[in-house]
Amino acid sequence: MSTARTQTAYIGLGSNLASFAGTPIQTIHAALNALAELGEVSACSALYETAPVGFVDQPPFVNAVAMLRTTDTPEKLLEGLLQIEHRFGRDRNSGPPKGPRTLDLDLLLVDDLIVNTPSLTLPHPALAERRFVLAPLVELAPQLVPPQSGKTLGELLQALPDSGDNRIAGVRILRGDS
């Protein structure tokens, strides 16, 4: 008899290059289907078009956040996410950091777990600093309080400045394409 506990994980999805699945929008949809290998996708935000952050000389991204019910440990879940990225043509060892990619899957939160290992940090260390992650995450769980933050996701989003990488105009919901 298995005693594995079901947990809720929030996964950030991003793409700005075509993959075998098609355009970045089609890639995100295909990646959502692939996440079913790791658990049950119980909700997904709208798709967002977002301006690149850091390395700006690249196409805009399509981003979303999925809620995944899983019995995998966070480490095993991360391993599965990296395998899915690889299948979609992502090689994390090549290309510039924060550069263009076919698929990016980030493990943002897993219940109220705090993990700090060489391969995984939970909550995601840049969670509270990224409008392109917080906006779709707030759609799914605006009242969720990430461990150690003391604020809801909605409050974290409201606290972001409307300037630079976090300008409101840099993140917009895609209508009719999702």
N, C-alpha and C. Protein backbone atom coordinates (compact mmCIF):
# COMPACT_ATOMS: atom_id res chain seq x y z
N MET A 1 0.84 -1.18 0.00
CA MET A 1 0.00 0.00 0.00
C MET A 1 0.89 1.24 0.00
N SER A 2 0.60 2.18 -0.90
CA SER A 2 1.39 3.39 -1.01
C SER A 2 0.92 4.42 0.01
N THR A 3 1.87 5.09 0.63
CA THR A 3 1.53 6.15 1.58
C THR A 3 1.97 7.51 1.05
N ALA A 4 2.22 7.59 -0.24
CA ALA A 4 2.65 8.86 -0.83
C ALA A 4 1.56 9.90 -0.66
N ARG A 5 1.96 11.06 -0.21
CA ARG A 5 1.03 12.16 0.04
C ARG A 5 0.87 12.99 -1.23
N THR A 6 -0.36 13.34 -1.57
CA THR A 6 -0.61 14.21 -2.72
C THR A 6 -0.33 15.65 -2.32
N GLN A 7 0.43 16.31 -3.15
CA GLN A 7 0.80 17.70 -2.92
C GLN A 7 0.36 18.55 -4.10
N THR A 8 0.25 19.85 -3.86
CA THR A 8 -0.07 20.78 -4.94
C THR A 8 1.20 21.54 -5.31
N ALA A 9 1.56 21.43 -6.56
CA ALA A 9 2.73 22.13 -7.09
C ALA A 9 2.26 23.16 -8.11
N TYR A 10 2.94 24.28 -8.16
CA TYR A 10 2.68 25.31 -9.15
C TYR A 10 3.88 25.37 -10.08
N ILE A 11 3.61 25.21 -11.37
CA ILE A 11 4.65 25.13 -12.39
C ILE A 11 4.52 26.33 -13.32
N GLY A 12 5.62 27.07 -13.49
CA GLY A 12 5.65 28.14 -14.47
C GLY A 12 6.06 27.57 -15.81
N LEU A 13 5.34 27.97 -16.86
CA LEU A 13 5.64 27.52 -18.22
C LEU A 13 5.97 28.73 -19.08
N GLY A 14 6.99 28.62 -19.91
CA GLY A 14 7.35 29.70 -20.82
C GLY A 14 7.95 29.18 -22.10
N SER A 15 7.72 29.93 -23.19
CA SER A 15 8.28 29.56 -24.49
C SER A 15 8.33 30.80 -25.36
N ASN A 16 9.43 30.94 -26.13
CA ASN A 16 9.46 32.00 -27.14
C ASN A 16 10.10 31.53 -28.44
N LEU A 17 10.34 30.23 -28.56
CA LEU A 17 10.81 29.63 -29.81
C LEU A 17 9.91 28.46 -30.17
N ALA A 18 9.77 28.21 -31.44
CA ALA A 18 8.98 27.06 -31.89
C ALA A 18 9.66 25.76 -31.46
N SER A 19 8.83 24.77 -31.22
CA SER A 19 9.30 23.42 -30.89
C SER A 19 8.66 22.45 -31.89
N PHE A 20 8.88 21.16 -31.67
CA PHE A 20 8.23 20.17 -32.53
C PHE A 20 6.71 20.30 -32.47
N ALA A 21 6.18 20.88 -31.38
CA ALA A 21 4.73 21.02 -31.21
C ALA A 21 4.17 22.21 -31.98
N GLY A 22 5.06 23.12 -32.44
CA GLY A 22 4.59 24.28 -33.20
C GLY A 22 5.04 25.58 -32.57
N THR A 23 4.19 26.58 -32.65
CA THR A 23 4.47 27.91 -32.13
C THR A 23 4.62 27.87 -30.61
N PRO A 24 5.11 28.95 -30.00
CA PRO A 24 5.17 28.97 -28.54
C PRO A 24 3.81 28.70 -27.86
N ILE A 25 2.73 29.22 -28.43
CA ILE A 25 1.40 28.94 -27.85
C ILE A 25 1.11 27.44 -27.93
N GLN A 26 1.36 26.85 -29.09
CA GLN A 26 1.12 25.40 -29.24
C GLN A 26 2.06 24.59 -28.33
N THR A 27 3.28 25.09 -28.14
CA THR A 27 4.23 24.42 -27.25
C THR A 27 3.73 24.42 -25.82
N ILE A 28 3.19 25.54 -25.36
CA ILE A 28 2.66 25.60 -23.99
C ILE A 28 1.50 24.62 -23.83
N HIS A 29 0.61 24.57 -24.81
CA HIS A 29 -0.51 23.62 -24.73
C HIS A 29 -0.01 22.18 -24.71
N ALA A 30 0.97 21.86 -25.54
CA ALA A 30 1.53 20.50 -25.56
C ALA A 30 2.25 20.20 -24.25
N ALA A 31 2.94 21.18 -23.69
CA ALA A 31 3.64 20.97 -22.42
C ALA A 31 2.64 20.72 -21.29
N LEU A 32 1.51 21.40 -21.32
CA LEU A 32 0.47 21.14 -20.31
C LEU A 32 0.00 19.69 -20.39
N ASN A 33 -0.16 19.18 -21.60
CA ASN A 33 -0.52 17.77 -21.76
C ASN A 33 0.58 16.86 -21.22
N ALA A 34 1.84 17.23 -21.46
CA ALA A 34 2.96 16.42 -20.98
C ALA A 34 3.04 16.42 -19.46
N LEU A 35 2.62 17.50 -18.81
CA LEU A 35 2.65 17.56 -17.34
C LEU A 35 1.77 16.48 -16.71
N ALA A 36 0.79 15.99 -17.46
CA ALA A 36 -0.08 14.92 -16.95
C ALA A 36 0.70 13.65 -16.62
N GLU A 37 1.91 13.51 -17.19
CA GLU A 37 2.76 12.36 -16.85
C GLU A 37 3.23 12.43 -15.40
N LEU A 38 3.21 13.63 -14.81
CA LEU A 38 3.76 13.85 -13.47
C LEU A 38 2.68 14.00 -12.41
N GLY A 39 1.43 14.03 -12.83
CA GLY A 39 0.33 14.19 -11.89
C GLY A 39 -0.90 14.67 -12.63
N GLU A 40 -1.82 15.27 -11.88
CA GLU A 40 -3.06 15.77 -12.47
C GLU A 40 -2.98 17.29 -12.57
N VAL A 41 -3.09 17.81 -13.79
CA VAL A 41 -3.15 19.26 -13.98
C VAL A 41 -4.56 19.67 -13.60
N SER A 42 -4.70 20.31 -12.44
CA SER A 42 -6.03 20.63 -11.93
C SER A 42 -6.48 22.04 -12.30
N ALA A 43 -5.57 22.89 -12.75
CA ALA A 43 -5.94 24.23 -13.20
C ALA A 43 -4.78 24.81 -13.99
N CYS A 44 -5.11 25.77 -14.86
CA CYS A 44 -4.08 26.48 -15.62
C CYS A 44 -4.55 27.91 -15.81
N SER A 45 -3.63 28.83 -15.70
CA SER A 45 -3.94 30.24 -15.92
C SER A 45 -4.18 30.48 -17.41
N ALA A 46 -4.57 31.69 -17.72
CA ALA A 46 -4.60 32.14 -19.11
C ALA A 46 -3.16 32.16 -19.62
N LEU A 47 -3.01 32.28 -20.93
CA LEU A 47 -1.69 32.47 -21.51
C LEU A 47 -1.41 33.97 -21.55
N TYR A 48 -0.16 34.31 -21.27
CA TYR A 48 0.28 35.70 -21.24
C TYR A 48 1.40 35.90 -22.24
N GLU A 49 1.39 37.03 -22.92
CA GLU A 49 2.55 37.43 -23.71
C GLU A 49 3.37 38.36 -22.83
N THR A 50 4.65 38.06 -22.69
CA THR A 50 5.48 38.83 -21.78
C THR A 50 6.78 39.26 -22.45
N ALA A 51 7.20 40.45 -22.08
CA ALA A 51 8.47 40.96 -22.59
C ALA A 51 9.61 40.17 -21.96
N PRO A 52 10.68 39.94 -22.70
CA PRO A 52 11.83 39.23 -22.13
C PRO A 52 12.45 40.02 -20.98
N VAL A 53 13.01 39.29 -20.02
CA VAL A 53 13.66 39.88 -18.85
C VAL A 53 15.13 39.49 -18.87
N GLY A 54 16.00 40.44 -18.60
CA GLY A 54 17.43 40.14 -18.57
C GLY A 54 18.04 40.24 -19.96
N PHE A 55 17.95 39.18 -20.71
CA PHE A 55 18.44 39.12 -22.10
C PHE A 55 17.28 39.60 -22.98
N VAL A 56 17.29 40.88 -23.38
CA VAL A 56 16.12 41.47 -24.02
C VAL A 56 16.10 41.33 -25.54
N ASP A 57 17.21 40.97 -26.17
CA ASP A 57 17.26 40.86 -27.62
C ASP A 57 16.76 39.48 -28.06
N GLN A 58 15.45 39.28 -27.88
CA GLN A 58 14.81 38.01 -28.23
C GLN A 58 13.31 38.24 -28.35
N PRO A 59 12.59 37.28 -28.94
CA PRO A 59 11.14 37.45 -29.09
C PRO A 59 10.44 37.45 -27.73
N PRO A 60 9.21 38.01 -27.68
CA PRO A 60 8.44 37.94 -26.44
C PRO A 60 8.13 36.49 -26.10
N PHE A 61 7.83 36.27 -24.83
CA PHE A 61 7.50 34.93 -24.33
C PHE A 61 6.00 34.74 -24.25
N VAL A 62 5.60 33.49 -24.28
CA VAL A 62 4.26 33.07 -23.88
C VAL A 62 4.46 32.38 -22.55
N ASN A 63 3.74 32.85 -21.52
CA ASN A 63 3.86 32.28 -20.18
C ASN A 63 2.51 31.87 -19.63
N ALA A 64 2.55 30.92 -18.71
CA ALA A 64 1.36 30.47 -17.99
C ALA A 64 1.83 29.81 -16.70
N VAL A 65 0.90 29.51 -15.83
CA VAL A 65 1.18 28.75 -14.62
C VAL A 65 0.14 27.64 -14.51
N ALA A 66 0.61 26.44 -14.21
CA ALA A 66 -0.28 25.29 -14.01
C ALA A 66 -0.23 24.83 -12.56
N MET A 67 -1.38 24.38 -12.07
CA MET A 67 -1.47 23.76 -10.76
C MET A 67 -1.50 22.25 -10.98
N LEU A 68 -0.57 21.55 -10.35
CA LEU A 68 -0.40 20.12 -10.56
C LEU A 68 -0.55 19.39 -9.23
N ARG A 69 -1.44 18.43 -9.18
CA ARG A 69 -1.58 17.56 -8.01
C ARG A 69 -0.69 16.35 -8.26
N THR A 70 0.25 16.09 -7.35
CA THR A 70 1.24 15.04 -7.59
C THR A 70 1.64 14.36 -6.29
N THR A 71 2.07 13.12 -6.43
CA THR A 71 2.63 12.41 -5.27
C THR A 71 4.16 12.37 -5.34
N ASP A 72 4.73 12.95 -6.41
CA ASP A 72 6.18 13.00 -6.54
C ASP A 72 6.79 13.92 -5.49
N THR A 73 8.00 13.60 -5.06
CA THR A 73 8.75 14.53 -4.22
C THR A 73 9.13 15.74 -5.08
N PRO A 74 9.44 16.88 -4.48
CA PRO A 74 9.86 18.01 -5.29
C PRO A 74 11.07 17.70 -6.17
N GLU A 75 12.01 16.93 -5.66
CA GLU A 75 13.20 16.59 -6.45
C GLU A 75 12.84 15.72 -7.65
N LYS A 76 11.95 14.74 -7.44
CA LYS A 76 11.53 13.89 -8.54
C LYS A 76 10.69 14.68 -9.54
N LEU A 77 9.88 15.59 -9.04
CA LEU A 77 9.08 16.44 -9.92
C LEU A 77 9.99 17.31 -10.78
N LEU A 78 11.01 17.91 -10.18
CA LEU A 78 11.97 18.72 -10.94
C LEU A 78 12.63 17.88 -12.02
N GLU A 79 13.02 16.68 -11.69
CA GLU A 79 13.64 15.79 -12.67
C GLU A 79 12.69 15.55 -13.84
N GLY A 80 11.43 15.31 -13.56
CA GLY A 80 10.44 15.12 -14.61
C GLY A 80 10.25 16.36 -15.47
N LEU A 81 10.26 17.54 -14.84
CA LEU A 81 10.13 18.79 -15.60
C LEU A 81 11.30 18.98 -16.54
N LEU A 82 12.50 18.69 -16.06
CA LEU A 82 13.69 18.84 -16.91
C LEU A 82 13.66 17.86 -18.08
N GLN A 83 13.14 16.65 -17.85
CA GLN A 83 13.01 15.68 -18.94
C GLN A 83 12.03 16.16 -20.00
N ILE A 84 10.92 16.76 -19.55
CA ILE A 84 9.94 17.30 -20.51
C ILE A 84 10.57 18.44 -21.31
N GLU A 85 11.27 19.34 -20.64
CA GLU A 85 11.96 20.42 -21.35
C GLU A 85 12.88 19.86 -22.43
N HIS A 86 13.65 18.86 -22.06
CA HIS A 86 14.60 18.25 -23.00
C HIS A 86 13.88 17.67 -24.23
N ARG A 87 12.76 16.99 -23.99
CA ARG A 87 11.98 16.43 -25.10
C ARG A 87 11.49 17.51 -26.06
N PHE A 88 11.25 18.72 -25.52
CA PHE A 88 10.78 19.83 -26.34
C PHE A 88 11.93 20.61 -26.96
N GLY A 89 13.17 20.11 -26.82
CA GLY A 89 14.31 20.71 -27.49
C GLY A 89 15.11 21.69 -26.66
N ARG A 90 14.86 21.75 -25.37
CA ARG A 90 15.61 22.67 -24.51
C ARG A 90 16.89 22.02 -24.04
N ASP A 91 18.00 22.73 -24.21
CA ASP A 91 19.29 22.31 -23.69
C ASP A 91 19.76 23.40 -22.74
N ARG A 92 19.63 23.17 -21.45
CA ARG A 92 19.99 24.18 -20.46
C ARG A 92 21.49 24.48 -20.44
N ASN A 93 22.30 23.65 -21.07
CA ASN A 93 23.75 23.86 -21.07
C ASN A 93 24.23 24.70 -22.24
N SER A 94 23.34 25.08 -23.15
CA SER A 94 23.75 25.91 -24.28
C SER A 94 22.87 27.15 -24.34
N GLY A 95 23.33 28.14 -25.02
CA GLY A 95 22.58 29.39 -25.14
C GLY A 95 22.81 30.30 -23.95
N PRO A 96 22.52 31.58 -24.13
CA PRO A 96 22.75 32.54 -23.05
C PRO A 96 21.76 32.35 -21.90
N PRO A 97 22.19 32.63 -20.67
CA PRO A 97 21.24 32.59 -19.55
C PRO A 97 20.08 33.55 -19.81
N LYS A 98 18.88 33.12 -19.52
CA LYS A 98 17.66 33.89 -19.75
C LYS A 98 17.42 34.18 -21.23
N GLY A 99 18.10 33.42 -22.09
CA GLY A 99 17.95 33.61 -23.53
C GLY A 99 16.74 32.88 -24.08
N PRO A 100 16.59 32.90 -25.41
CA PRO A 100 15.45 32.25 -26.05
C PRO A 100 15.42 30.75 -25.76
N ARG A 101 14.21 30.19 -25.71
CA ARG A 101 14.08 28.76 -25.44
C ARG A 101 12.76 28.22 -25.95
N THR A 102 12.81 26.94 -26.29
CA THR A 102 11.59 26.28 -26.76
C THR A 102 10.62 26.07 -25.61
N LEU A 103 11.15 25.73 -24.42
CA LEU A 103 10.27 25.48 -23.27
C LEU A 103 11.06 25.68 -21.99
N ASP A 104 10.45 26.38 -21.07
CA ASP A 104 11.01 26.57 -19.73
C ASP A 104 9.94 26.14 -18.74
N LEU A 105 10.27 25.21 -17.87
CA LEU A 105 9.36 24.75 -16.82
C LEU A 105 10.03 25.02 -15.48
N ASP A 106 9.44 25.90 -14.70
CA ASP A 106 9.99 26.25 -13.39
C ASP A 106 9.08 25.75 -12.29
N LEU A 107 9.66 25.06 -11.33
CA LEU A 107 8.94 24.63 -10.14
C LEU A 107 8.90 25.82 -9.19
N LEU A 108 7.72 26.40 -9.01
CA LEU A 108 7.58 27.64 -8.25
C LEU A 108 7.31 27.40 -6.77
N LEU A 109 6.34 26.53 -6.49
CA LEU A 109 5.90 26.23 -5.12
C LEU A 109 5.42 24.79 -5.05
N VAL A 110 5.60 24.17 -3.91
CA VAL A 110 5.00 22.87 -3.63
C VAL A 110 4.45 22.97 -2.21
N ASP A 111 3.11 23.05 -2.12
CA ASP A 111 2.45 23.26 -0.83
C ASP A 111 3.18 24.33 -0.04
N ASP A 112 3.46 24.06 1.21
CA ASP A 112 4.18 25.04 2.04
C ASP A 112 5.62 24.61 2.29
N LEU A 113 6.15 23.80 1.37
CA LEU A 113 7.51 23.28 1.55
C LEU A 113 8.57 24.35 1.31
N ILE A 114 9.62 24.24 2.12
CA ILE A 114 10.82 25.05 1.93
C ILE A 114 11.93 24.06 1.64
N VAL A 115 12.57 24.22 0.48
CA VAL A 115 13.66 23.33 0.06
C VAL A 115 14.83 24.21 -0.34
N ASN A 116 16.00 23.85 0.12
CA ASN A 116 17.20 24.59 -0.27
C ASN A 116 18.34 23.58 -0.43
N THR A 117 18.46 23.05 -1.66
CA THR A 117 19.51 22.09 -1.99
C THR A 117 20.29 22.66 -3.17
N PRO A 118 21.42 22.05 -3.52
CA PRO A 118 22.16 22.55 -4.68
C PRO A 118 21.35 22.54 -5.98
N SER A 119 20.38 21.64 -6.11
CA SER A 119 19.63 21.54 -7.36
C SER A 119 18.25 22.19 -7.31
N LEU A 120 17.75 22.53 -6.12
CA LEU A 120 16.37 23.01 -6.01
C LEU A 120 16.21 23.97 -4.85
N THR A 121 15.55 25.09 -5.13
CA THR A 121 15.17 26.04 -4.07
C THR A 121 13.67 26.28 -4.19
N LEU A 122 12.96 26.04 -3.08
CA LEU A 122 11.52 26.31 -3.01
C LEU A 122 11.24 27.14 -1.77
N PRO A 123 10.35 28.12 -1.89
CA PRO A 123 9.76 28.61 -3.12
C PRO A 123 10.84 29.10 -4.09
N HIS A 124 10.46 29.21 -5.37
CA HIS A 124 11.39 29.68 -6.38
C HIS A 124 11.98 30.99 -5.89
N PRO A 125 13.31 31.15 -5.95
CA PRO A 125 13.95 32.33 -5.36
C PRO A 125 13.54 33.67 -5.98
N ALA A 126 13.10 33.69 -7.23
CA ALA A 126 12.73 34.95 -7.88
C ALA A 126 11.22 35.14 -7.98
N LEU A 127 10.46 34.28 -7.31
CA LEU A 127 9.00 34.30 -7.41
C LEU A 127 8.42 35.70 -7.18
N ALA A 128 8.79 36.34 -6.10
CA ALA A 128 8.21 37.63 -5.71
C ALA A 128 8.72 38.80 -6.54
N GLU A 129 9.65 38.55 -7.45
CA GLU A 129 10.27 39.62 -8.24
C GLU A 129 9.83 39.62 -9.69
N ARG A 130 8.95 38.70 -10.09
CA ARG A 130 8.65 38.52 -11.51
C ARG A 130 7.16 38.64 -11.80
N ARG A 131 6.78 39.74 -12.44
CA ARG A 131 5.37 39.94 -12.80
C ARG A 131 4.88 38.83 -13.75
N PHE A 132 5.77 38.38 -14.66
CA PHE A 132 5.35 37.37 -15.63
C PHE A 132 5.04 36.02 -14.97
N VAL A 133 5.48 35.83 -13.74
CA VAL A 133 5.14 34.63 -12.97
C VAL A 133 3.97 34.93 -12.04
N LEU A 134 4.04 36.04 -11.34
CA LEU A 134 3.01 36.36 -10.34
C LEU A 134 1.63 36.59 -10.97
N ALA A 135 1.56 37.27 -12.11
CA ALA A 135 0.25 37.56 -12.71
C ALA A 135 -0.53 36.27 -12.99
N PRO A 136 0.04 35.29 -13.69
CA PRO A 136 -0.73 34.06 -13.89
C PRO A 136 -0.91 33.24 -12.60
N LEU A 137 0.04 33.30 -11.70
CA LEU A 137 -0.08 32.58 -10.43
C LEU A 137 -1.22 33.14 -9.59
N VAL A 138 -1.37 34.46 -9.60
CA VAL A 138 -2.45 35.10 -8.84
C VAL A 138 -3.82 34.69 -9.38
N GLU A 139 -3.91 34.43 -10.69
CA GLU A 139 -5.16 33.92 -11.26
C GLU A 139 -5.61 32.65 -10.56
N LEU A 140 -4.66 31.79 -10.25
CA LEU A 140 -4.97 30.47 -9.67
C LEU A 140 -5.12 30.50 -8.16
N ALA A 141 -4.33 31.33 -7.48
CA ALA A 141 -4.31 31.26 -6.01
C ALA A 141 -3.96 32.62 -5.40
N PRO A 142 -4.84 33.63 -5.56
CA PRO A 142 -4.49 34.97 -5.11
C PRO A 142 -4.26 35.08 -3.60
N GLN A 143 -4.90 34.22 -2.82
CA GLN A 143 -4.78 34.29 -1.36
C GLN A 143 -3.70 33.39 -0.79
N LEU A 144 -3.03 32.63 -1.65
CA LEU A 144 -1.96 31.74 -1.18
C LEU A 144 -0.80 32.57 -0.63
N VAL A 145 -0.30 32.15 0.53
CA VAL A 145 0.84 32.82 1.16
C VAL A 145 2.04 31.90 1.02
N PRO A 146 3.01 32.24 0.14
CA PRO A 146 4.21 31.41 0.01
C PRO A 146 4.97 31.37 1.34
N PRO A 147 5.60 30.24 1.64
CA PRO A 147 6.37 30.14 2.88
C PRO A 147 7.38 31.29 3.01
N GLN A 148 7.48 31.79 4.19
CA GLN A 148 8.44 32.83 4.58
C GLN A 148 8.15 34.20 3.99
N SER A 149 7.08 34.37 3.20
CA SER A 149 6.83 35.67 2.58
C SER A 149 6.00 36.59 3.48
N GLY A 150 5.05 36.00 4.19
CA GLY A 150 4.17 36.81 5.04
C GLY A 150 3.13 37.59 4.25
N LYS A 151 3.09 37.43 2.93
CA LYS A 151 2.14 38.14 2.09
C LYS A 151 1.48 37.16 1.13
N THR A 152 0.25 37.47 0.74
CA THR A 152 -0.41 36.66 -0.28
C THR A 152 0.24 36.91 -1.63
N LEU A 153 -0.01 36.00 -2.57
CA LEU A 153 0.49 36.20 -3.93
C LEU A 153 -0.06 37.50 -4.52
N GLY A 154 -1.33 37.78 -4.24
CA GLY A 154 -1.94 39.02 -4.71
C GLY A 154 -1.22 40.25 -4.16
N GLU A 155 -0.87 40.21 -2.87
CA GLU A 155 -0.14 41.33 -2.27
C GLU A 155 1.26 41.46 -2.86
N LEU A 156 1.91 40.33 -3.13
CA LEU A 156 3.24 40.38 -3.75
C LEU A 156 3.17 41.02 -5.13
N LEU A 157 2.13 40.66 -5.90
CA LEU A 157 1.96 41.24 -7.24
C LEU A 157 1.71 42.75 -7.14
N GLN A 158 0.84 43.15 -6.21
CA GLN A 158 0.54 44.57 -6.04
C GLN A 158 1.77 45.38 -5.62
N ALA A 159 2.70 44.74 -4.93
CA ALA A 159 3.89 45.43 -4.43
C ALA A 159 4.96 45.66 -5.50
N LEU A 160 4.82 44.99 -6.65
CA LEU A 160 5.83 45.16 -7.70
C LEU A 160 5.75 46.56 -8.31
N PRO A 161 6.89 47.16 -8.61
CA PRO A 161 6.87 48.48 -9.25
C PRO A 161 6.41 48.35 -10.70
N ASP A 162 5.78 49.40 -11.19
CA ASP A 162 5.37 49.44 -12.60
C ASP A 162 6.47 50.10 -13.42
N SER A 163 7.65 49.45 -13.39
CA SER A 163 8.79 50.00 -14.12
C SER A 163 9.74 48.87 -14.48
N GLY A 164 10.63 49.16 -15.43
CA GLY A 164 11.64 48.19 -15.82
C GLY A 164 11.04 46.86 -16.24
N ASP A 165 11.68 45.78 -15.80
CA ASP A 165 11.24 44.43 -16.16
C ASP A 165 9.84 44.12 -15.65
N ASN A 166 9.38 44.82 -14.63
CA ASN A 166 8.08 44.52 -14.03
C ASN A 166 6.97 45.48 -14.45
N ARG A 167 7.21 46.25 -15.51
CA ARG A 167 6.16 47.18 -15.95
C ARG A 167 4.91 46.39 -16.34
N ILE A 168 3.78 46.95 -15.99
CA ILE A 168 2.51 46.27 -16.26
C ILE A 168 2.33 46.03 -17.76
N ALA A 169 2.76 46.98 -18.58
CA ALA A 169 2.61 46.84 -20.03
C ALA A 169 3.45 45.70 -20.60
N GLY A 170 4.40 45.16 -19.84
CA GLY A 170 5.24 44.07 -20.31
C GLY A 170 4.60 42.69 -20.17
N VAL A 171 3.40 42.65 -19.59
CA VAL A 171 2.70 41.38 -19.36
C VAL A 171 1.24 41.58 -19.73
N ARG A 172 0.79 40.86 -20.77
CA ARG A 172 -0.62 41.00 -21.17
C ARG A 172 -1.22 39.64 -21.48
N ILE A 173 -2.49 39.49 -21.11
CA ILE A 173 -3.20 38.24 -21.38
C ILE A 173 -3.44 38.13 -22.88
N LEU A 174 -3.18 36.93 -23.41
CA LEU A 174 -3.48 36.67 -24.82
C LEU A 174 -4.96 36.29 -24.93
N ARG A 175 -5.68 36.97 -25.72
CA ARG A 175 -7.11 36.72 -25.90
C ARG A 175 -7.32 36.03 -27.24
N GLY A 176 -8.15 35.02 -27.27
CA GLY A 176 -8.50 34.36 -28.51
C GLY A 176 -7.45 33.41 -29.06
N ASP A 177 -6.23 33.49 -28.56
CA ASP A 177 -5.15 32.62 -29.04
C ASP A 177 -4.94 31.42 -28.13
N SER A 178 -5.50 31.49 -26.94
CA SER A 178 -5.22 30.43 -25.98
C SER A 178 -6.32 29.41 -26.00
